[in-house]
Amino acid sequence: MEKAMPMIYPSPMIEKNDVIIWLEQHKNVVMRILTDDNFEHLTQASTGATTGDWLISFEKSGCDQFTPLLEAVAHHLRQKINVATVDLTRQLELRKRFKIEGCPSIYLFRHGNMYEYSFKEFTFQSLTEFAENTYKHSKAEKVPNPQSPFDKLVEYVVDRLKKSRTLFYTLISIPIIIVLISLYIVRKRRIDQKRFKLH
């Protein structure tokens, strides 16, 4: 069971009984927490959102003041749109994959596209309207594919080469040396064959 999460009451207080009923209806945490390990499995973002649409807030430590608001949005949108957060301080692969630096950065993932929430205000109404309708006014960007194990290996090797110039120059020079040696051997054989024919 998920731990309790603070949530903002999305409308003005009416009566005590209404608040009690609202609290009872919203006692379970609805917002999901996505990680490097579960992001693609749960969202299917790069394949076309077969698990539904996702409103995702990419946050960093110290920039999670919107969590109670997002939990209220998650309750309002449940059964229609999934709402989740990603802690970019801990989820480094997702941070690199989506190249997100701003905090918070909120995107709607829908049918293989992502739409950035670019409004200045962060309110219950603006976030729910964005998730349901106004995302259409944002530029659709193709969701970047997750890195394959081969991509990760290539990136690791390239990073290592960048960090070590000696290793880089050694690896670059090896094929050149092999080609030069091969050319020398071929030339030497031709010269030897010509000498042999002359004698």
Protein backbone atom coordinates (compact mmCIF):
# COMPACT_ATOMS: atom_id res chain seq x y z
CA MET A 1 0.00 0.00 0.00
CA GLU A 2 1.28 3.45 -0.88
CA LYS A 3 2.00 5.90 1.87
CA ALA A 4 -0.23 8.90 2.44
CA MET A 5 0.29 11.94 0.27
CA PRO A 6 -0.87 15.49 0.93
CA MET A 7 -3.56 16.82 -1.38
CA ILE A 8 -5.17 20.19 -1.99
CA TYR A 9 -8.93 20.50 -1.62
CA PRO A 10 -9.78 21.84 -5.12
CA SER A 11 -12.73 24.08 -4.30
CA PRO A 12 -13.79 26.52 -1.59
CA MET A 13 -14.89 24.94 1.69
CA ILE A 14 -18.62 24.43 1.71
CA GLU A 15 -19.84 22.42 4.64
CA LYS A 16 -18.08 20.18 7.09
CA ASN A 17 -19.99 17.11 5.89
CA ASP A 18 -18.99 17.79 2.26
CA VAL A 19 -15.33 17.91 3.26
CA ILE A 20 -15.66 14.67 5.26
CA ILE A 21 -17.30 12.91 2.30
CA TRP A 22 -14.59 14.28 -0.02
CA LEU A 23 -11.84 13.05 2.31
CA GLU A 24 -13.41 9.59 2.46
CA GLN A 25 -13.60 9.43 -1.35
CA HIS A 26 -9.98 10.52 -1.68
CA LYS A 27 -8.27 8.55 1.06
CA ASN A 28 -6.18 6.43 -1.34
CA VAL A 29 -3.17 7.76 -3.21
CA VAL A 30 -3.92 7.89 -6.93
CA MET A 31 -0.82 9.57 -8.34
CA ARG A 32 1.88 7.14 -9.48
CA ILE A 33 5.63 7.43 -8.96
CA LEU A 34 7.59 6.53 -12.08
CA THR A 35 11.21 5.37 -12.13
CA ASP A 36 13.85 4.41 -14.68
CA ASP A 37 12.77 0.80 -14.18
CA ASN A 38 8.98 1.14 -14.52
CA PHE A 39 8.42 4.19 -16.75
CA GLU A 40 8.17 2.51 -20.14
CA HIS A 41 6.40 -0.58 -18.79
CA LEU A 42 3.64 1.45 -17.14
CA THR A 43 3.24 4.27 -19.66
CA GLN A 44 4.10 2.56 -22.96
CA ALA A 45 4.93 6.16 -23.95
CA SER A 46 7.19 5.45 -26.91
CA THR A 47 4.86 2.84 -28.39
CA GLY A 48 1.71 4.97 -28.44
CA ALA A 49 0.32 5.09 -24.90
CA THR A 50 -1.51 1.78 -24.95
CA THR A 51 -1.98 2.13 -21.19
CA GLY A 52 -3.78 5.44 -21.64
CA ASP A 53 -2.75 9.07 -21.46
CA TRP A 54 -0.31 10.21 -18.76
CA LEU A 55 0.13 13.65 -17.19
CA ILE A 56 3.65 13.49 -15.77
CA SER A 57 5.48 16.01 -13.62
CA PHE A 58 9.27 15.77 -13.84
CA GLU A 59 10.63 17.16 -10.56
CA LYS A 60 13.86 17.46 -8.62
CA SER A 61 14.52 17.41 -4.88
CA GLY A 62 13.38 20.69 -3.38
CA CYS A 63 10.99 21.30 -6.26
CA ASP A 64 8.10 19.13 -5.18
CA GLN A 65 5.79 21.83 -3.85
CA PHE A 66 3.18 20.92 -6.48
CA THR A 67 2.76 17.33 -5.25
CA PRO A 68 -0.44 18.05 -3.25
CA LEU A 69 -1.91 19.86 -6.26
CA LEU A 70 -1.00 17.00 -8.60
CA GLU A 71 -2.59 14.49 -6.23
CA ALA A 72 -5.84 16.49 -6.38
CA VAL A 73 -5.58 16.56 -10.19
CA ALA A 74 -4.94 12.79 -10.18
CA HIS A 75 -8.15 12.21 -8.21
CA HIS A 76 -10.15 14.43 -10.52
CA LEU A 77 -8.78 12.75 -13.67
CA ARG A 78 -8.79 9.13 -12.43
CA GLN A 79 -10.42 6.68 -14.82
CA LYS A 80 -9.57 9.14 -17.65
CA ILE A 81 -5.91 10.15 -17.44
CA ASN A 82 -3.08 8.75 -15.33
CA VAL A 83 -1.08 11.25 -13.27
CA ALA A 84 2.47 10.60 -12.10
CA THR A 85 5.71 12.17 -10.93
CA VAL A 86 9.33 11.44 -11.78
CA ASP A 87 12.12 12.47 -9.41
CA LEU A 88 14.87 13.54 -11.82
CA THR A 89 17.38 13.66 -8.98
CA ARG A 90 17.18 9.87 -8.73
CA GLN A 91 15.96 8.82 -12.19
CA LEU A 92 19.01 9.78 -14.24
CA GLU A 93 18.13 7.69 -17.32
CA LEU A 94 14.76 9.44 -17.67
CA ARG A 95 16.42 12.82 -17.14
CA LYS A 96 18.86 12.06 -19.96
CA ARG A 97 16.19 10.50 -22.20
CA PHE A 98 13.84 13.47 -22.04
CA LYS A 99 16.57 16.15 -21.65
CA ILE A 100 14.56 17.91 -18.95
CA GLU A 101 16.22 20.59 -16.86
CA GLY A 102 13.35 22.86 -15.73
CA CYS A 103 11.49 22.15 -12.55
CA PRO A 104 8.77 21.21 -12.54
CA SER A 105 8.33 20.23 -16.18
CA ILE A 106 4.92 18.81 -16.88
CA TYR A 107 4.04 16.85 -20.00
CA LEU A 108 0.99 15.03 -21.27
CA PHE A 109 1.94 11.77 -22.99
CA ARG A 110 -0.66 10.75 -25.56
CA HIS A 111 -0.47 8.34 -28.52
CA GLY A 112 3.33 8.40 -28.81
CA ASN A 113 3.54 12.18 -28.51
CA MET A 114 4.35 14.46 -25.60
CA TYR A 115 2.88 17.91 -25.02
CA GLU A 116 4.62 20.38 -22.73
CA TYR A 117 2.62 22.32 -20.15
CA SER A 118 4.00 25.79 -20.82
CA PHE A 119 1.57 27.94 -18.84
CA LYS A 120 3.01 30.10 -16.06
CA GLU A 121 0.39 29.25 -13.46
CA PHE A 122 0.10 25.93 -11.71
CA THR A 123 -3.51 25.65 -10.58
CA PHE A 124 -5.93 22.77 -10.28
CA GLN A 125 -8.06 24.21 -13.08
CA SER A 126 -5.21 24.97 -15.49
CA LEU A 127 -3.65 21.52 -15.06
CA THR A 128 -6.92 19.60 -15.49
CA GLU A 129 -7.89 21.71 -18.52
CA PHE A 130 -4.47 21.13 -20.06
CA ALA A 131 -4.71 17.36 -19.55
CA GLU A 132 -8.24 17.20 -20.98
CA ASN A 133 -8.23 19.81 -23.75
CA THR A 134 -5.68 22.61 -23.99
CA TYR A 135 -2.75 20.26 -24.64
CA LYS A 136 -3.98 20.41 -28.26
CA HIS A 137 -2.59 23.95 -28.46
CA SER A 138 0.90 22.77 -27.51
CA LYS A 139 3.44 21.47 -30.00
CA ALA A 140 3.41 17.66 -30.23
CA GLU A 141 6.86 16.16 -29.84
CA LYS A 142 7.61 12.51 -30.60
CA VAL A 143 8.39 10.57 -27.41
CA PRO A 144 12.07 9.57 -27.49
CA ASN A 145 12.65 5.82 -27.42
CA PRO A 146 14.33 4.31 -24.37
CA GLN A 147 17.96 3.36 -24.84
CA SER A 148 18.68 -0.24 -25.75
CA PRO A 149 21.48 -2.10 -23.95
CA PHE A 150 23.62 -1.63 -27.09
CA ASP A 151 22.95 2.14 -27.04
CA LYS A 152 24.04 2.25 -23.41
CA LEU A 153 27.22 0.32 -24.20
CA VAL A 154 28.10 2.63 -27.10
CA GLU A 155 27.44 5.69 -24.94
CA TYR A 156 29.62 4.26 -22.16
CA VAL A 157 32.50 3.58 -24.56
CA VAL A 158 32.22 7.05 -26.12
CA ASP A 159 32.18 8.67 -22.66
CA ARG A 160 35.26 6.69 -21.65
CA LEU A 161 37.04 7.68 -24.85
CA LYS A 162 36.22 11.34 -24.28
CA LYS A 163 37.59 11.18 -20.76
CA SER A 164 40.83 9.48 -21.77
CA ARG A 165 42.57 11.12 -24.72
CA THR A 166 45.39 8.58 -24.61
CA LEU A 167 42.96 5.70 -24.96
CA PHE A 168 41.10 7.58 -27.70
CA TYR A 169 44.25 8.19 -29.75
CA THR A 170 45.41 4.62 -29.17
CA LEU A 171 42.13 3.18 -30.44
CA ILE A 172 42.12 5.52 -33.42
CA SER A 173 45.73 4.75 -34.30
CA ILE A 174 45.40 0.93 -34.14
CA PRO A 175 43.35 0.61 -37.37
CA ILE A 176 45.70 3.06 -39.11
CA ILE A 177 48.74 1.05 -38.03
CA ILE A 178 47.09 -2.20 -39.19
CA VAL A 179 46.36 -0.68 -42.61
CA LEU A 180 49.93 0.62 -42.93
CA ILE A 181 51.41 -2.75 -41.94
CA SER A 182 49.09 -4.53 -44.40
CA LEU A 183 50.15 -2.18 -47.20
CA TYR A 184 53.82 -2.73 -46.34
CA ILE A 185 53.39 -6.51 -46.38
CA VAL A 186 51.55 -6.44 -49.71
CA ARG A 187 54.20 -4.17 -51.25
CA LYS A 188 57.05 -6.29 -49.87
CA ARG A 189 55.47 -9.45 -51.34
CA ARG A 190 55.16 -7.81 -54.75
CA ILE A 191 58.78 -6.69 -54.65
CA ASP A 192 59.88 -10.18 -53.55
CA GLN A 193 57.82 -11.76 -56.35
CA LYS A 194 59.41 -9.46 -58.93
CA ARG A 195 62.89 -10.34 -57.62
CA PHE A 196 62.08 -14.02 -57.70
CA LYS A 197 60.88 -13.77 -61.32
CA LEU A 198 64.03 -11.92 -62.33
CA HIS A 199 66.30 -14.63 -60.95
